[in-house]
Amino acid sequence: MKDYSYSELGMLIGAAVGGILSILGFSATKKPLFFLLAAVGIFTGVIIGKNMDRNSSYAKSDKNDANHKFF
């Protein structure tokens, strides 16, 4: 997991969940509009992953700041 960012993992999980929901919706109703759920899942996964990346980078910078106190 060290090689992948949270954005990448979020996109992967969002695509999987959105793909499953879109296939289920399409097979139940035969309306191709449900395939947009995959795009919504990817978009949501990227947004959540970006926020998790940002929070983890802030946590790392806070830890580094605590080790380099001047006073």
PDB file of N, CA and C in Angstrom:
ATOM      1  N   MET A   1       0.818  -1.191   0.000  1.00  0.00           N
ATOM      2  CA  MET A   1       0.000   0.000   0.000  1.00  0.00           C
ATOM      3  C   MET A   1       0.861   1.254   0.000  1.00  0.00           C
ATOM      4  N   LYS A   2       2.128   1.112   0.242  1.00  0.00           N
ATOM      5  CA  LYS A   2       2.993   2.283   0.291  1.00  0.00           C
ATOM      6  C   LYS A   2       3.177   2.928  -1.079  1.00  0.00           C
ATOM      7  N   ASP A   3       2.951   2.163  -2.140  1.00  0.00           N
ATOM      8  CA  ASP A   3       3.163   2.697  -3.477  1.00  0.00           C
ATOM      9  C   ASP A   3       1.950   3.443  -4.021  1.00  0.00           C
ATOM     10  N   TYR A   4       0.796   3.280  -3.417  1.00  0.00           N
ATOM     11  CA  TYR A   4      -0.426   3.886  -3.925  1.00  0.00           C
ATOM     12  C   TYR A   4      -0.886   5.016  -3.014  1.00  0.00           C
ATOM     13  N   SER A   5      -1.379   6.077  -3.637  1.00  0.00           N
ATOM     14  CA  SER A   5      -1.940   7.176  -2.847  1.00  0.00           C
ATOM     15  C   SER A   5      -3.393   6.869  -2.536  1.00  0.00           C
ATOM     16  N   TYR A   6      -3.939   7.625  -1.612  1.00  0.00           N
ATOM     17  CA  TYR A   6      -5.343   7.450  -1.265  1.00  0.00           C
ATOM     18  C   TYR A   6      -6.246   7.838  -2.442  1.00  0.00           C
ATOM     19  N   SER A   7      -5.790   8.752  -3.268  1.00  0.00           N
ATOM     20  CA  SER A   7      -6.574   9.144  -4.441  1.00  0.00           C
ATOM     21  C   SER A   7      -6.731   7.970  -5.402  1.00  0.00           C
ATOM     22  N   GLU A   8      -5.639   7.257  -5.610  1.00  0.00           N
ATOM     23  CA  GLU A   8      -5.695   6.097  -6.494  1.00  0.00           C
ATOM     24  C   GLU A   8      -6.569   4.991  -5.925  1.00  0.00           C
ATOM     25  N   LEU A   9      -6.435   4.757  -4.637  1.00  0.00           N
ATOM     26  CA  LEU A   9      -7.269   3.737  -4.004  1.00  0.00           C
ATOM     27  C   LEU A   9      -8.735   4.139  -3.997  1.00  0.00           C
ATOM     28  N   GLY A  10      -9.009   5.408  -3.768  1.00  0.00           N
ATOM     29  CA  GLY A  10     -10.375   5.897  -3.797  1.00  0.00           C
ATOM     30  C   GLY A  10     -11.001   5.761  -5.174  1.00  0.00           C
ATOM     31  N   MET A  11     -10.193   6.050  -6.217  1.00  0.00           N
ATOM     32  CA  MET A  11     -10.696   5.901  -7.572  1.00  0.00           C
ATOM     33  C   MET A  11     -10.998   4.433  -7.883  1.00  0.00           C
ATOM     34  N   LEU A  12     -10.139   3.543  -7.432  1.00  0.00           N
ATOM     35  CA  LEU A  12     -10.346   2.115  -7.667  1.00  0.00           C
ATOM     36  C   LEU A  12     -11.590   1.606  -6.954  1.00  0.00           C
ATOM     37  N   ILE A  13     -11.730   1.952  -5.693  1.00  0.00           N
ATOM     38  CA  ILE A  13     -12.895   1.507  -4.920  1.00  0.00           C
ATOM     39  C   ILE A  13     -14.167   2.164  -5.447  1.00  0.00           C
ATOM     40  N   GLY A  14     -14.093   3.443  -5.797  1.00  0.00           N
ATOM     41  CA  GLY A  14     -15.253   4.136  -6.357  1.00  0.00           C
ATOM     42  C   GLY A  14     -15.694   3.533  -7.680  1.00  0.00           C
ATOM     43  N   ALA A  15     -14.724   3.144  -8.515  1.00  0.00           N
ATOM     44  CA  ALA A  15     -15.068   2.515  -9.788  1.00  0.00           C
ATOM     45  C   ALA A  15     -15.713   1.158  -9.565  1.00  0.00           C
ATOM     46  N   ALA A  16     -15.217   0.408  -8.598  1.00  0.00           N
ATOM     47  CA  ALA A  16     -15.789  -0.912  -8.323  1.00  0.00           C
ATOM     48  C   ALA A  16     -17.212  -0.794  -7.792  1.00  0.00           C
ATOM     49  N   VAL A  17     -17.404   0.072  -6.809  1.00  0.00           N
ATOM     50  CA  VAL A  17     -18.736   0.230  -6.225  1.00  0.00           C
ATOM     51  C   VAL A  17     -19.703   0.840  -7.243  1.00  0.00           C
ATOM     52  N   GLY A  18     -19.257   1.875  -7.937  1.00  0.00           N
ATOM     53  CA  GLY A  18     -20.112   2.495  -8.956  1.00  0.00           C
ATOM     54  C   GLY A  18     -20.421   1.547 -10.099  1.00  0.00           C
ATOM     55  N   GLY A  19     -19.449   0.730 -10.486  1.00  0.00           N
ATOM     56  CA  GLY A  19     -19.681  -0.243 -11.542  1.00  0.00           C
ATOM     57  C   GLY A  19     -20.695  -1.300 -11.148  1.00  0.00           C
ATOM     58  N   ILE A  20     -20.585  -1.768  -9.928  1.00  0.00           N
ATOM     59  CA  ILE A  20     -21.557  -2.764  -9.443  1.00  0.00           C
ATOM     60  C   ILE A  20     -22.962  -2.165  -9.407  1.00  0.00           C
ATOM     61  N   LEU A  21     -23.067  -0.956  -8.874  1.00  0.00           N
ATOM     62  CA  LEU A  21     -24.392  -0.320  -8.800  1.00  0.00           C
ATOM     63  C   LEU A  21     -24.957  -0.026 -10.192  1.00  0.00           C
ATOM     64  N   SER A  22     -24.087   0.375 -11.113  1.00  0.00           N
ATOM     65  CA  SER A  22     -24.584   0.682 -12.457  1.00  0.00           C
ATOM     66  C   SER A  22     -25.030  -0.586 -13.184  1.00  0.00           C
ATOM     67  N   ILE A  23     -24.305  -1.679 -13.006  1.00  0.00           N
ATOM     68  CA  ILE A  23     -24.717  -2.936 -13.637  1.00  0.00           C
ATOM     69  C   ILE A  23     -26.028  -3.434 -13.043  1.00  0.00           C
ATOM     70  N   LEU A  24     -26.159  -3.341 -11.735  1.00  0.00           N
ATOM     71  CA  LEU A  24     -27.414  -3.756 -11.109  1.00  0.00           C
ATOM     72  C   LEU A  24     -28.584  -2.889 -11.558  1.00  0.00           C
ATOM     73  N   GLY A  25     -28.369  -1.588 -11.621  1.00  0.00           N
ATOM     74  CA  GLY A  25     -29.426  -0.684 -12.057  1.00  0.00           C
ATOM     75  C   GLY A  25     -29.804  -0.897 -13.510  1.00  0.00           C
ATOM     76  N   PHE A  26     -28.795  -1.107 -14.360  1.00  0.00           N
ATOM     77  CA  PHE A  26     -29.077  -1.333 -15.776  1.00  0.00           C
ATOM     78  C   PHE A  26     -29.793  -2.656 -16.001  1.00  0.00           C
ATOM     79  N   SER A  27     -29.358  -3.688 -15.285  1.00  0.00           N
ATOM     80  CA  SER A  27     -30.001  -4.985 -15.482  1.00  0.00           C
ATOM     81  C   SER A  27     -31.439  -5.001 -14.955  1.00  0.00           C
ATOM     82  N   ALA A  28     -31.731  -4.177 -13.972  1.00  0.00           N
ATOM     83  CA  ALA A  28     -33.092  -4.134 -13.433  1.00  0.00           C
ATOM     84  C   ALA A  28     -34.034  -3.296 -14.291  1.00  0.00           C
ATOM     85  N   THR A  29     -33.514  -2.202 -14.884  1.00  0.00           N
ATOM     86  CA  THR A  29     -34.404  -1.281 -15.590  1.00  0.00           C
ATOM     87  C   THR A  29     -34.133  -1.179 -17.089  1.00  0.00           C
ATOM     88  N   LYS A  30     -32.991  -1.657 -17.558  1.00  0.00           N
ATOM     89  CA  LYS A  30     -32.578  -1.553 -18.970  1.00  0.00           C
ATOM     90  C   LYS A  30     -32.433  -0.099 -19.428  1.00  0.00           C
ATOM     91  N   LYS A  31     -32.147   0.790 -18.505  1.00  0.00           N
ATOM     92  CA  LYS A  31     -31.921   2.189 -18.847  1.00  0.00           C
ATOM     93  C   LYS A  31     -30.415   2.465 -18.741  1.00  0.00           C
ATOM     94  N   PRO A  32     -29.784   2.896 -19.836  1.00  0.00           N
ATOM     95  CA  PRO A  32     -28.328   3.109 -19.813  1.00  0.00           C
ATOM     96  C   PRO A  32     -27.885   4.291 -18.957  1.00  0.00           C
ATOM     97  N   LEU A  33     -28.829   5.062 -18.482  1.00  0.00           N
ATOM     98  CA  LEU A  33     -28.488   6.196 -17.619  1.00  0.00           C
ATOM     99  C   LEU A  33     -27.785   5.740 -16.336  1.00  0.00           C
ATOM    100  N   PHE A  34     -28.012   4.504 -15.933  1.00  0.00           N
ATOM    101  CA  PHE A  34     -27.399   3.995 -14.712  1.00  0.00           C
ATOM    102  C   PHE A  34     -25.887   3.847 -14.830  1.00  0.00           C
ATOM    103  N   PHE A  35     -25.361   3.859 -16.055  1.00  0.00           N
ATOM    104  CA  PHE A  35     -23.915   3.764 -16.205  1.00  0.00           C
ATOM    105  C   PHE A  35     -23.205   5.029 -15.719  1.00  0.00           C
ATOM    106  N   LEU A  36     -23.940   6.098 -15.527  1.00  0.00           N
ATOM    107  CA  LEU A  36     -23.349   7.304 -14.948  1.00  0.00           C
ATOM    108  C   LEU A  36     -22.972   7.110 -13.480  1.00  0.00           C
ATOM    109  N   LEU A  37     -23.557   6.114 -12.834  1.00  0.00           N
ATOM    110  CA  LEU A  37     -23.200   5.836 -11.434  1.00  0.00           C
ATOM    111  C   LEU A  37     -21.730   5.448 -11.297  1.00  0.00           C
ATOM    112  N   ALA A  38     -21.177   4.804 -12.309  1.00  0.00           N
ATOM    113  CA  ALA A  38     -19.752   4.462 -12.270  1.00  0.00           C
ATOM    114  C   ALA A  38     -18.906   5.736 -12.257  1.00  0.00           C
ATOM    115  N   ALA A  39     -19.272   6.707 -13.083  1.00  0.00           N
ATOM    116  CA  ALA A  39     -18.544   7.978 -13.105  1.00  0.00           C
ATOM    117  C   ALA A  39     -18.693   8.722 -11.786  1.00  0.00           C
ATOM    118  N   VAL A  40     -19.882   8.681 -11.221  1.00  0.00           N
ATOM    119  CA  VAL A  40     -20.109   9.331  -9.926  1.00  0.00           C
ATOM    120  C   VAL A  40     -19.277   8.646  -8.843  1.00  0.00           C
ATOM    121  N   GLY A  41     -19.195   7.325  -8.892  1.00  0.00           N
ATOM    122  CA  GLY A  41     -18.377   6.592  -7.926  1.00  0.00           C
ATOM    123  C   GLY A  41     -16.902   6.932  -8.040  1.00  0.00           C
ATOM    124  N   ILE A  42     -16.403   7.030  -9.267  1.00  0.00           N
ATOM    125  CA  ILE A  42     -14.999   7.395  -9.478  1.00  0.00           C
ATOM    126  C   ILE A  42     -14.736   8.808  -8.964  1.00  0.00           C
ATOM    127  N   PHE A  43     -15.619   9.735  -9.308  1.00  0.00           N
ATOM    128  CA  PHE A  43     -15.460  11.123  -8.878  1.00  0.00           C
ATOM    129  C   PHE A  43     -15.471  11.236  -7.358  1.00  0.00           C
ATOM    130  N   THR A  44     -16.402  10.552  -6.723  1.00  0.00           N
ATOM    131  CA  THR A  44     -16.490  10.582  -5.262  1.00  0.00           C
ATOM    132  C   THR A  44     -15.245   9.960  -4.627  1.00  0.00           C
ATOM    133  N   GLY A  45     -14.770   8.856  -5.187  1.00  0.00           N
ATOM    134  CA  GLY A  45     -13.572   8.208  -4.661  1.00  0.00           C
ATOM    135  C   GLY A  45     -12.341   9.087  -4.772  1.00  0.00           C
ATOM    136  N   VAL A  46     -12.215   9.798  -5.881  1.00  0.00           N
ATOM    137  CA  VAL A  46     -11.061  10.699  -6.057  1.00  0.00           C
ATOM    138  C   VAL A  46     -11.126  11.847  -5.061  1.00  0.00           C
ATOM    139  N   ILE A  47     -12.301  12.422  -4.870  1.00  0.00           N
ATOM    140  CA  ILE A  47     -12.448  13.545  -3.924  1.00  0.00           C
ATOM    141  C   ILE A  47     -12.126  13.100  -2.501  1.00  0.00           C
ATOM    142  N   ILE A  48     -12.672  11.969  -2.093  1.00  0.00           N
ATOM    143  CA  ILE A  48     -12.405  11.473  -0.740  1.00  0.00           C
ATOM    144  C   ILE A  48     -10.927  11.113  -0.589  1.00  0.00           C
ATOM    145  N   GLY A  49     -10.348  10.476  -1.612  1.00  0.00           N
ATOM    146  CA  GLY A  49      -8.931  10.116  -1.561  1.00  0.00           C
ATOM    147  C   GLY A  49      -8.019  11.333  -1.507  1.00  0.00           C
ATOM    148  N   LYS A  50      -8.358  12.389  -2.275  1.00  0.00           N
ATOM    149  CA  LYS A  50      -7.567  13.620  -2.233  1.00  0.00           C
ATOM    150  C   LYS A  50      -7.581  14.239  -0.846  1.00  0.00           C
ATOM    151  N   ASN A  51      -8.749  14.244  -0.208  1.00  0.00           N
ATOM    152  CA  ASN A  51      -8.841  14.786   1.144  1.00  0.00           C
ATOM    153  C   ASN A  51      -8.036  13.949   2.126  1.00  0.00           C
ATOM    154  N   MET A  52      -8.053  12.638   1.961  1.00  0.00           N
ATOM    155  CA  MET A  52      -7.260  11.776   2.847  1.00  0.00           C
ATOM    156  C   MET A  52      -5.772  11.989   2.613  1.00  0.00           C
ATOM    157  N   ASP A  53      -5.364  12.186   1.344  1.00  0.00           N
ATOM    158  CA  ASP A  53      -3.962  12.498   1.054  1.00  0.00           C
ATOM    159  C   ASP A  53      -3.551  13.803   1.709  1.00  0.00           C
ATOM    160  N   ARG A  54      -4.414  14.797   1.609  1.00  0.00           N
ATOM    161  CA  ARG A  54      -4.112  16.103   2.192  1.00  0.00           C
ATOM    162  C   ARG A  54      -3.977  16.002   3.710  1.00  0.00           C
ATOM    163  N   ASN A  55      -4.890  15.263   4.348  1.00  0.00           N
ATOM    164  CA  ASN A  55      -4.829  15.117   5.803  1.00  0.00           C
ATOM    165  C   ASN A  55      -3.597  14.346   6.241  1.00  0.00           C
ATOM    166  N   SER A  56      -3.201  13.348   5.475  1.00  0.00           N
ATOM    167  CA  SER A  56      -2.009  12.579   5.856  1.00  0.00           C
ATOM    168  C   SER A  56      -0.749  13.414   5.665  1.00  0.00           C
ATOM    169  N   SER A  57      -0.731  14.301   4.652  1.00  0.00           N
ATOM    170  CA  SER A  57       0.442  15.151   4.475  1.00  0.00           C
ATOM    171  C   SER A  57       0.519  16.202   5.572  1.00  0.00           C
ATOM    172  N   TYR A  58      -0.640  16.701   6.041  1.00  0.00           N
ATOM    173  CA  TYR A  58      -0.634  17.641   7.162  1.00  0.00           C
ATOM    174  C   TYR A  58      -0.151  16.962   8.436  1.00  0.00           C
ATOM    175  N   ALA A  59      -0.542  15.724   8.642  1.00  0.00           N
ATOM    176  CA  ALA A  59      -0.115  15.000   9.838  1.00  0.00           C
ATOM    177  C   ALA A  59       1.390  14.778   9.815  1.00  0.00           C
ATOM    178  N   LYS A  60       1.931  14.478   8.636  1.00  0.00           N
ATOM    179  CA  LYS A  60       3.380  14.282   8.530  1.00  0.00           C
ATOM    180  C   LYS A  60       4.122  15.588   8.769  1.00  0.00           C
ATOM    181  N   SER A  61       3.597  16.705   8.247  1.00  0.00           N
ATOM    182  CA  SER A  61       4.271  17.981   8.440  1.00  0.00           C
ATOM    183  C   SER A  61       4.176  18.421   9.896  1.00  0.00           C
ATOM    184  N   ASP A  62       3.074  18.124  10.573  1.00  0.00           N
ATOM    185  CA  ASP A  62       2.954  18.455  11.987  1.00  0.00           C
ATOM    186  C   ASP A  62       3.947  17.659  12.812  1.00  0.00           C
ATOM    187  N   LYS A  63       4.158  16.404  12.450  1.00  0.00           N
ATOM    188  CA  LYS A  63       5.111  15.568  13.172  1.00  0.00           C
ATOM    189  C   LYS A  63       6.534  16.093  12.974  1.00  0.00           C
ATOM    190  N   ASN A  64       6.848  16.516  11.755  1.00  0.00           N
ATOM    191  CA  ASN A  64       8.169  17.067  11.484  1.00  0.00           C
ATOM    192  C   ASN A  64       8.367  18.399  12.198  1.00  0.00           C
ATOM    193  N   ASP A  65       7.324  19.207  12.278  1.00  0.00           N
ATOM    194  CA  ASP A  65       7.424  20.486  12.982  1.00  0.00           C
ATOM    195  C   ASP A  65       7.647  20.275  14.477  1.00  0.00           C
ATOM    196  N   ALA A  66       7.062  19.228  15.038  1.00  0.00           N
ATOM    197  CA  ALA A  66       7.224  18.953  16.464  1.00  0.00           C
ATOM    198  C   ALA A  66       8.653  18.533  16.781  1.00  0.00           C
ATOM    199  N   ASN A  67       9.338  17.903  15.832  1.00  0.00           N
ATOM    200  CA  ASN A  67      10.713  17.461  16.058  1.00  0.00           C
ATOM    201  C   ASN A  67      11.714  18.595  15.915  1.00  0.00           C
ATOM    202  N   HIS A  68      11.342  19.699  15.285  1.00  0.00           N
ATOM    203  CA  HIS A  68      12.268  20.801  15.031  1.00  0.00           C
ATOM    204  C   HIS A  68      11.828  22.071  15.749  1.00  0.00           C
ATOM    205  N   LYS A  69      11.649  21.975  17.037  1.00  0.00           N
ATOM    206  CA  LYS A  69      11.257  23.157  17.805  1.00  0.00           C
ATOM    207  C   LYS A  69      12.481  24.032  18.022  1.00  0.00           C
ATOM    208  N   PHE A  70      12.267  25.317  17.958  1.00  0.00           N
ATOM    209  CA  PHE A  70      13.373  26.250  18.123  1.00  0.00           C
ATOM    210  C   PHE A  70      13.538  26.695  19.567  1.00  0.00           C
ATOM    211  N   PHE A  71      12.509  26.611  20.366  1.00  0.00           N
ATOM    212  CA  PHE A  71      12.590  27.091  21.733  1.00  0.00           C
ATOM    213  C   PHE A  71      12.471  25.961  22.708  1.00  0.00           C
TER     214      PHE A  71
END
